[in-house]
Amino acid sequence: LGKGKWRGSVGMESEKLKKVLSVRKNVFFIT
């Protein structure tokens, strides 16, 4: 609903989590 830049998300740890999810191919992040 267009509310804020981080609302509805993992938030401040998103970039750290993206790096972890990228360490191997074929990872599916289901939310």
PDB file of all heavy atoms in Angstrom:
ATOM      1  N   LEU A   1       0.811  -1.220   0.000  1.00  0.00           N
ATOM      2  CA  LEU A   1       0.000   0.000   0.000  1.00  0.00           C
ATOM      3  C   LEU A   1       0.839   1.262   0.000  1.00  0.00           C
ATOM      4  O   LEU A   1       0.406   2.311   0.465  1.00  0.00           O
ATOM      5  CB  LEU A   1      -0.971  -0.009   1.186  1.00  0.00           C
ATOM      6  CG  LEU A   1      -1.895  -1.219   1.250  1.00  0.00           C
ATOM      7  CD1 LEU A   1      -2.749  -1.175   2.502  1.00  0.00           C
ATOM      8  CD2 LEU A   1      -2.771  -1.298   0.011  1.00  0.00           C
ATOM      9  N   GLY A   2       2.090   1.170  -0.498  1.00  0.00           N
ATOM     10  CA  GLY A   2       2.934   2.339  -0.650  1.00  0.00           C
ATOM     11  C   GLY A   2       3.381   2.974   0.645  1.00  0.00           C
ATOM     12  O   GLY A   2       3.787   4.118   0.672  1.00  0.00           O
ATOM     13  N   LYS A   3       3.324   2.224   1.732  1.00  0.00           N
ATOM     14  CA  LYS A   3       3.622   2.804   3.046  1.00  0.00           C
ATOM     15  C   LYS A   3       5.089   2.614   3.415  1.00  0.00           C
ATOM     16  O   LYS A   3       5.510   1.528   3.785  1.00  0.00           O
ATOM     17  CB  LYS A   3       2.738   2.164   4.112  1.00  0.00           C
ATOM     18  CG  LYS A   3       1.276   2.459   3.907  1.00  0.00           C
ATOM     19  CD  LYS A   3       0.434   1.818   4.971  1.00  0.00           C
ATOM     20  CE  LYS A   3      -1.021   2.152   4.758  1.00  0.00           C
ATOM     21  NZ  LYS A   3      -1.876   1.493   5.707  1.00  0.00           N
ATOM     22  N   GLY A   4       5.861   3.650   3.310  1.00  0.00           N
ATOM     23  CA  GLY A   4       7.234   3.646   3.785  1.00  0.00           C
ATOM     24  C   GLY A   4       8.184   2.848   2.920  1.00  0.00           C
ATOM     25  O   GLY A   4       7.784   2.061   2.084  1.00  0.00           O
ATOM     26  N   LYS A   5       9.468   3.029   3.143  1.00  0.00           N
ATOM     27  CA  LYS A   5      10.499   2.367   2.352  1.00  0.00           C
ATOM     28  C   LYS A   5      10.826   0.981   2.872  1.00  0.00           C
ATOM     29  O   LYS A   5      11.402   0.179   2.170  1.00  0.00           O
ATOM     30  CB  LYS A   5      11.761   3.231   2.320  1.00  0.00           C
ATOM     31  CG  LYS A   5      11.549   4.537   1.588  1.00  0.00           C
ATOM     32  CD  LYS A   5      12.811   5.362   1.590  1.00  0.00           C
ATOM     33  CE  LYS A   5      12.541   6.685   0.881  1.00  0.00           C
ATOM     34  NZ  LYS A   5      13.687   7.558   0.882  1.00  0.00           N
ATOM     35  N   TRP A   6      10.501   0.687   4.100  1.00  0.00           N
ATOM     36  CA  TRP A   6      10.879  -0.616   4.673  1.00  0.00           C
ATOM     37  C   TRP A   6       9.685  -1.397   5.187  1.00  0.00           C
ATOM     38  O   TRP A   6       9.772  -2.595   5.408  1.00  0.00           O
ATOM     39  CB  TRP A   6      11.878  -0.419   5.814  1.00  0.00           C
ATOM     40  CG  TRP A   6      11.330   0.453   6.910  1.00  0.00           C
ATOM     41  CD1 TRP A   6      11.499   1.798   7.016  1.00  0.00           C
ATOM     42  CD2 TRP A   6      10.514   0.065   8.009  1.00  0.00           C
ATOM     43  NE1 TRP A   6      10.817   2.276   8.120  1.00  0.00           N
ATOM     44  CE2 TRP A   6      10.204   1.222   8.760  1.00  0.00           C
ATOM     45  CE3 TRP A   6      10.006  -1.151   8.438  1.00  0.00           C
ATOM     46  CZ2 TRP A   6       9.422   1.192   9.897  1.00  0.00           C
ATOM     47  CZ3 TRP A   6       9.215  -1.167   9.592  1.00  0.00           C
ATOM     48  CH2 TRP A   6       8.953   0.001  10.293  1.00  0.00           C
ATOM     49  N   ARG A   7       8.533  -0.742   5.399  1.00  0.00           N
ATOM     50  CA  ARG A   7       7.376  -1.436   5.972  1.00  0.00           C
ATOM     51  C   ARG A   7       6.953  -2.603   5.090  1.00  0.00           C
ATOM     52  O   ARG A   7       6.942  -2.524   3.886  1.00  0.00           O
ATOM     53  CB  ARG A   7       6.220  -0.468   6.166  1.00  0.00           C
ATOM     54  CG  ARG A   7       6.485   0.463   7.343  1.00  0.00           C
ATOM     55  CD  ARG A   7       5.338   1.348   7.643  1.00  0.00           C
ATOM     56  NE  ARG A   7       4.160   0.571   8.028  1.00  0.00           N
ATOM     57  CZ  ARG A   7       2.949   1.102   8.100  1.00  0.00           C
ATOM     58  NH1 ARG A   7       2.754   2.360   7.801  1.00  0.00           N
ATOM     59  NH2 ARG A   7       1.934   0.358   8.454  1.00  0.00           N
ATOM     60  N   GLY A   8       6.600  -3.694   5.730  1.00  0.00           N
ATOM     61  CA  GLY A   8       6.190  -4.891   5.031  1.00  0.00           C
ATOM     62  C   GLY A   8       7.341  -5.808   4.675  1.00  0.00           C
ATOM     63  O   GLY A   8       7.138  -6.876   4.121  1.00  0.00           O
ATOM     64  N   SER A   9       8.556  -5.402   5.013  1.00  0.00           N
ATOM     65  CA  SER A   9       9.749  -6.158   4.613  1.00  0.00           C
ATOM     66  C   SER A   9      10.511  -6.689   5.825  1.00  0.00           C
ATOM     67  O   SER A   9      10.135  -6.449   6.962  1.00  0.00           O
ATOM     68  CB  SER A   9      10.683  -5.260   3.807  1.00  0.00           C
ATOM     69  OG  SER A   9      11.346  -4.336   4.663  1.00  0.00           O
ATOM     70  N   VAL A  10      11.603  -7.375   5.538  1.00  0.00           N
ATOM     71  CA  VAL A  10      12.517  -7.798   6.594  1.00  0.00           C
ATOM     72  C   VAL A  10      13.060  -6.554   7.304  1.00  0.00           C
ATOM     73  O   VAL A  10      13.326  -6.579   8.487  1.00  0.00           O
ATOM     74  CB  VAL A  10      13.660  -8.660   6.013  1.00  0.00           C
ATOM     75  CG1 VAL A  10      14.782  -8.854   7.024  1.00  0.00           C
ATOM     76  CG2 VAL A  10      13.103 -10.005   5.549  1.00  0.00           C
ATOM     77  N   GLY A  11      13.184  -5.469   6.582  1.00  0.00           N
ATOM     78  CA  GLY A  11      13.621  -4.235   7.208  1.00  0.00           C
ATOM     79  C   GLY A  11      15.119  -4.010   7.095  1.00  0.00           C
ATOM     80  O   GLY A  11      15.724  -4.271   6.056  1.00  0.00           O
ATOM     81  N   MET A  12      15.708  -3.552   8.182  1.00  0.00           N
ATOM     82  CA  MET A  12      17.103  -3.110   8.171  1.00  0.00           C
ATOM     83  C   MET A  12      18.094  -4.227   7.840  1.00  0.00           C
ATOM     84  O   MET A  12      19.196  -3.953   7.389  1.00  0.00           O
ATOM     85  CB  MET A  12      17.461  -2.476   9.518  1.00  0.00           C
ATOM     86  CG  MET A  12      16.550  -1.320   9.907  1.00  0.00           C
ATOM     87  SD  MET A  12      16.402  -0.039   8.639  1.00  0.00           S
ATOM     88  CE  MET A  12      17.972   0.740   8.822  1.00  0.00           C
ATOM     89  N   GLU A  13      17.708  -5.475   8.033  1.00  0.00           N
ATOM     90  CA  GLU A  13      18.620  -6.595   7.758  1.00  0.00           C
ATOM     91  C   GLU A  13      18.470  -7.141   6.338  1.00  0.00           C
ATOM     92  O   GLU A  13      19.072  -8.152   5.989  1.00  0.00           O
ATOM     93  CB  GLU A  13      18.400  -7.724   8.767  1.00  0.00           C
ATOM     94  CG  GLU A  13      18.865  -7.379  10.172  1.00  0.00           C
ATOM     95  CD  GLU A  13      17.918  -6.411  10.868  1.00  0.00           C
ATOM     96  OE1 GLU A  13      16.690  -6.551  10.710  1.00  0.00           O
ATOM     97  OE2 GLU A  13      18.416  -5.501  11.546  1.00  0.00           O
ATOM     98  N   SER A  14      17.692  -6.481   5.494  1.00  0.00           N
ATOM     99  CA  SER A  14      17.441  -6.978   4.140  1.00  0.00           C
ATOM    100  C   SER A  14      18.726  -7.196   3.343  1.00  0.00           C
ATOM    101  O   SER A  14      18.883  -8.228   2.684  1.00  0.00           O
ATOM    102  CB  SER A  14      16.517  -6.035   3.369  1.00  0.00           C
ATOM    103  OG  SER A  14      15.179  -6.196   3.758  1.00  0.00           O
ATOM    104  N   GLU A  15      19.633  -6.240   3.376  1.00  0.00           N
ATOM    105  CA  GLU A  15      20.869  -6.373   2.588  1.00  0.00           C
ATOM    106  C   GLU A  15      21.734  -7.529   3.100  1.00  0.00           C
ATOM    107  O   GLU A  15      22.308  -8.275   2.302  1.00  0.00           O
ATOM    108  CB  GLU A  15      21.657  -5.062   2.573  1.00  0.00           C
ATOM    109  CG  GLU A  15      20.970  -3.946   1.813  1.00  0.00           C
ATOM    110  CD  GLU A  15      20.599  -4.324   0.381  1.00  0.00           C
ATOM    111  OE1 GLU A  15      21.435  -4.922  -0.332  1.00  0.00           O
ATOM    112  OE2 GLU A  15      19.449  -4.031  -0.024  1.00  0.00           O
ATOM    113  N   LYS A  16      21.825  -7.686   4.413  1.00  0.00           N
ATOM    114  CA  LYS A  16      22.584  -8.806   4.969  1.00  0.00           C
ATOM    115  C   LYS A  16      21.957 -10.132   4.557  1.00  0.00           C
ATOM    116  O   LYS A  16      22.655 -11.077   4.191  1.00  0.00           O
ATOM    117  CB  LYS A  16      22.620  -8.735   6.497  1.00  0.00           C
ATOM    118  CG  LYS A  16      23.480  -7.636   7.062  1.00  0.00           C
ATOM    119  CD  LYS A  16      23.408  -7.705   8.595  1.00  0.00           C
ATOM    120  CE  LYS A  16      24.172  -6.609   9.247  1.00  0.00           C
ATOM    121  NZ  LYS A  16      24.056  -6.681  10.729  1.00  0.00           N
ATOM    122  N   LEU A  17      20.631 -10.202   4.608  1.00  0.00           N
ATOM    123  CA  LEU A  17      19.940 -11.433   4.244  1.00  0.00           C
ATOM    124  C   LEU A  17      20.099 -11.724   2.757  1.00  0.00           C
ATOM    125  O   LEU A  17      20.296 -12.879   2.367  1.00  0.00           O
ATOM    126  CB  LEU A  17      18.463 -11.345   4.636  1.00  0.00           C
ATOM    127  CG  LEU A  17      17.613 -12.581   4.356  1.00  0.00           C
ATOM    128  CD1 LEU A  17      18.217 -13.848   4.949  1.00  0.00           C
ATOM    129  CD2 LEU A  17      16.195 -12.367   4.892  1.00  0.00           C
ATOM    130  N   LYS A  18      20.058 -10.707   1.903  1.00  0.00           N
ATOM    131  CA  LYS A  18      20.277 -10.901   0.463  1.00  0.00           C
ATOM    132  C   LYS A  18      21.636 -11.551   0.211  1.00  0.00           C
ATOM    133  O   LYS A  18      21.755 -12.453  -0.624  1.00  0.00           O
ATOM    134  CB  LYS A  18      20.218  -9.572  -0.286  1.00  0.00           C
ATOM    135  CG  LYS A  18      18.834  -9.066  -0.541  1.00  0.00           C
ATOM    136  CD  LYS A  18      18.900  -7.757  -1.318  1.00  0.00           C
ATOM    137  CE  LYS A  18      17.544  -7.145  -1.478  1.00  0.00           C
ATOM    138  NZ  LYS A  18      17.572  -5.869  -2.201  1.00  0.00           N
ATOM    139  N   LYS A  19      22.660 -11.095   0.915  1.00  0.00           N
ATOM    140  CA  LYS A  19      24.003 -11.672   0.737  1.00  0.00           C
ATOM    141  C   LYS A  19      24.023 -13.144   1.121  1.00  0.00           C
ATOM    142  O   LYS A  19      24.643 -13.964   0.448  1.00  0.00           O
ATOM    143  CB  LYS A  19      25.031 -10.889   1.559  1.00  0.00           C
ATOM    144  CG  LYS A  19      25.347  -9.537   0.979  1.00  0.00           C
ATOM    145  CD  LYS A  19      26.347  -8.780   1.828  1.00  0.00           C
ATOM    146  CE  LYS A  19      26.559  -7.391   1.242  1.00  0.00           C
ATOM    147  NZ  LYS A  19      27.414  -6.563   2.090  1.00  0.00           N
ATOM    148  N   VAL A  20      23.350 -13.491   2.209  1.00  0.00           N
ATOM    149  CA  VAL A  20      23.306 -14.890   2.638  1.00  0.00           C
ATOM    150  C   VAL A  20      22.534 -15.737   1.634  1.00  0.00           C
ATOM    151  O   VAL A  20      22.958 -16.843   1.277  1.00  0.00           O
ATOM    152  CB  VAL A  20      22.694 -15.012   4.058  1.00  0.00           C
ATOM    153  CG1 VAL A  20      22.436 -16.463   4.424  1.00  0.00           C
ATOM    154  CG2 VAL A  20      23.614 -14.357   5.082  1.00  0.00           C
ATOM    155  N   LEU A  21      21.417 -15.242   1.153  1.00  0.00           N
ATOM    156  CA  LEU A  21      20.614 -15.990   0.188  1.00  0.00           C
ATOM    157  C   LEU A  21      21.355 -16.199  -1.132  1.00  0.00           C
ATOM    158  O   LEU A  21      21.020 -17.097  -1.900  1.00  0.00           O
ATOM    159  CB  LEU A  21      19.288 -15.278  -0.064  1.00  0.00           C
ATOM    160  CG  LEU A  21      18.330 -15.197   1.122  1.00  0.00           C
ATOM    161  CD1 LEU A  21      17.164 -14.264   0.805  1.00  0.00           C
ATOM    162  CD2 LEU A  21      17.834 -16.572   1.532  1.00  0.00           C
ATOM    163  N   SER A  22      22.364 -15.383  -1.393  1.00  0.00           N
ATOM    164  CA  SER A  22      23.108 -15.438  -2.654  1.00  0.00           C
ATOM    165  C   SER A  22      24.342 -16.331  -2.619  1.00  0.00           C
ATOM    166  O   SER A  22      25.032 -16.450  -3.631  1.00  0.00           O
ATOM    167  CB  SER A  22      23.534 -14.015  -3.052  1.00  0.00           C
ATOM    168  OG  SER A  22      22.404 -13.222  -3.302  1.00  0.00           O
ATOM    169  N   VAL A  23      24.636 -16.964  -1.483  1.00  0.00           N
ATOM    170  CA  VAL A  23      25.880 -17.741  -1.391  1.00  0.00           C
ATOM    171  C   VAL A  23      25.858 -19.020  -2.212  1.00  0.00           C
ATOM    172  O   VAL A  23      26.902 -19.630  -2.446  1.00  0.00           O
ATOM    173  CB  VAL A  23      26.264 -18.077   0.079  1.00  0.00           C
ATOM    174  CG1 VAL A  23      26.524 -16.811   0.875  1.00  0.00           C
ATOM    175  CG2 VAL A  23      25.245 -18.971   0.740  1.00  0.00           C
ATOM    176  N   ARG A  24      24.697 -19.433  -2.660  1.00  0.00           N
ATOM    177  CA  ARG A  24      24.580 -20.659  -3.452  1.00  0.00           C
ATOM    178  C   ARG A  24      23.453 -20.460  -4.452  1.00  0.00           C
ATOM    179  O   ARG A  24      22.482 -19.755  -4.180  1.00  0.00           O
ATOM    180  CB  ARG A  24      24.291 -21.826  -2.507  1.00  0.00           C
ATOM    181  CG  ARG A  24      23.942 -23.157  -3.063  1.00  0.00           C
ATOM    182  CD  ARG A  24      25.077 -24.062  -3.499  1.00  0.00           C
ATOM    183  NE  ARG A  24      26.177 -24.366  -2.642  1.00  0.00           N
ATOM    184  CZ  ARG A  24      26.238 -25.341  -1.754  1.00  0.00           C
ATOM    185  NH1 ARG A  24      25.204 -26.101  -1.500  1.00  0.00           N
ATOM    186  NH2 ARG A  24      27.339 -25.568  -1.108  1.00  0.00           N
ATOM    187  N   LYS A  25      23.565 -21.086  -5.612  1.00  0.00           N
ATOM    188  CA  LYS A  25      22.494 -21.027  -6.617  1.00  0.00           C
ATOM    189  C   LYS A  25      21.296 -21.846  -6.163  1.00  0.00           C
ATOM    190  O   LYS A  25      21.422 -22.726  -5.312  1.00  0.00           O
ATOM    191  CB  LYS A  25      22.993 -21.561  -7.957  1.00  0.00           C
ATOM    192  CG  LYS A  25      23.975 -20.660  -8.637  1.00  0.00           C
ATOM    193  CD  LYS A  25      24.355 -21.223  -9.984  1.00  0.00           C
ATOM    194  CE  LYS A  25      25.343 -20.296 -10.657  1.00  0.00           C
ATOM    195  NZ  LYS A  25      25.745 -20.806 -11.967  1.00  0.00           N
ATOM    196  N   ASN A  26      20.163 -21.556  -6.774  1.00  0.00           N
ATOM    197  CA  ASN A  26      18.928 -22.329  -6.577  1.00  0.00           C
ATOM    198  C   ASN A  26      18.293 -22.164  -5.202  1.00  0.00           C
ATOM    199  O   ASN A  26      17.659 -23.075  -4.684  1.00  0.00           O
ATOM    200  CB  ASN A  26      19.148 -23.811  -6.881  1.00  0.00           C
ATOM    201  CG  ASN A  26      19.659 -24.040  -8.280  1.00  0.00           C
ATOM    202  OD1 ASN A  26      19.270 -23.330  -9.209  1.00  0.00           O
ATOM    203  ND2 ASN A  26      20.521 -25.024  -8.445  1.00  0.00           N
ATOM    204  N   VAL A  27      18.451 -20.989  -4.605  1.00  0.00           N
ATOM    205  CA  VAL A  27      17.776 -20.679  -3.348  1.00  0.00           C
ATOM    206  C   VAL A  27      16.462 -19.978  -3.688  1.00  0.00           C
ATOM    207  O   VAL A  27      16.438 -19.047  -4.499  1.00  0.00           O
ATOM    208  CB  VAL A  27      18.654 -19.791  -2.435  1.00  0.00           C
ATOM    209  CG1 VAL A  27      17.888 -19.358  -1.195  1.00  0.00           C
ATOM    210  CG2 VAL A  27      19.935 -20.519  -2.051  1.00  0.00           C
ATOM    211  N   PHE A  28      15.383 -20.439  -3.082  1.00  0.00           N
ATOM    212  CA  PHE A  28      14.064 -19.856  -3.278  1.00  0.00           C
ATOM    213  C   PHE A  28      13.629 -19.254  -1.943  1.00  0.00           C
ATOM    214  O   PHE A  28      13.467 -19.974  -0.960  1.00  0.00           O
ATOM    215  CB  PHE A  28      13.059 -20.923  -3.732  1.00  0.00           C
ATOM    216  CG  PHE A  28      13.340 -21.434  -5.111  1.00  0.00           C
ATOM    217  CD1 PHE A  28      14.315 -22.395  -5.333  1.00  0.00           C
ATOM    218  CD2 PHE A  28      12.631 -20.949  -6.201  1.00  0.00           C
ATOM    219  CE1 PHE A  28      14.586 -22.867  -6.609  1.00  0.00           C
ATOM    220  CE2 PHE A  28      12.890 -21.410  -7.480  1.00  0.00           C
ATOM    221  CZ  PHE A  28      13.872 -22.372  -7.686  1.00  0.00           C
ATOM    222  N   PHE A  29      13.461 -17.930  -1.922  1.00  0.00           N
ATOM    223  CA  PHE A  29      13.039 -17.209  -0.723  1.00  0.00           C
ATOM    224  C   PHE A  29      11.545 -16.966  -0.843  1.00  0.00           C
ATOM    225  O   PHE A  29      11.090 -16.162  -1.661  1.00  0.00           O
ATOM    226  CB  PHE A  29      13.809 -15.894  -0.599  1.00  0.00           C
ATOM    227  CG  PHE A  29      13.579 -15.161   0.686  1.00  0.00           C
ATOM    228  CD1 PHE A  29      13.809 -15.770   1.910  1.00  0.00           C
ATOM    229  CD2 PHE A  29      13.155 -13.842   0.679  1.00  0.00           C
ATOM    230  CE1 PHE A  29      13.599 -15.081   3.107  1.00  0.00           C
ATOM    231  CE2 PHE A  29      12.959 -13.147   1.866  1.00  0.00           C
ATOM    232  CZ  PHE A  29      13.184 -13.772   3.075  1.00  0.00           C
ATOM    233  N   ILE A  30      10.762 -17.689  -0.066  1.00  0.00           N
ATOM    234  CA  ILE A  30       9.306 -17.674  -0.175  1.00  0.00           C
ATOM    235  C   ILE A  30       8.728 -16.916   1.014  1.00  0.00           C
ATOM    236  O   ILE A  30       8.992 -17.249   2.165  1.00  0.00           O
ATOM    237  CB  ILE A  30       8.763 -19.107  -0.258  1.00  0.00           C
ATOM    238  CG1 ILE A  30       9.392 -19.798  -1.477  1.00  0.00           C
ATOM    239  CG2 ILE A  30       7.236 -19.106  -0.336  1.00  0.00           C
ATOM    240  CD1 ILE A  30       9.165 -21.270  -1.548  1.00  0.00           C
ATOM    241  N   THR A  31       7.944 -15.892   0.685  1.00  0.00           N
ATOM    242  CA  THR A  31       7.426 -14.996   1.714  1.00  0.00           C
ATOM    243  C   THR A  31       5.936 -14.722   1.499  1.00  0.00           C
ATOM    244  O   THR A  31       5.341 -15.153   0.518  1.00  0.00           O
ATOM    245  CB  THR A  31       8.185 -13.658   1.673  1.00  0.00           C
ATOM    246  OG1 THR A  31       7.991 -13.052   0.395  1.00  0.00           O
ATOM    247  CG2 THR A  31       9.668 -13.854   1.937  1.00  0.00           C
TER     248      THR A  31
END
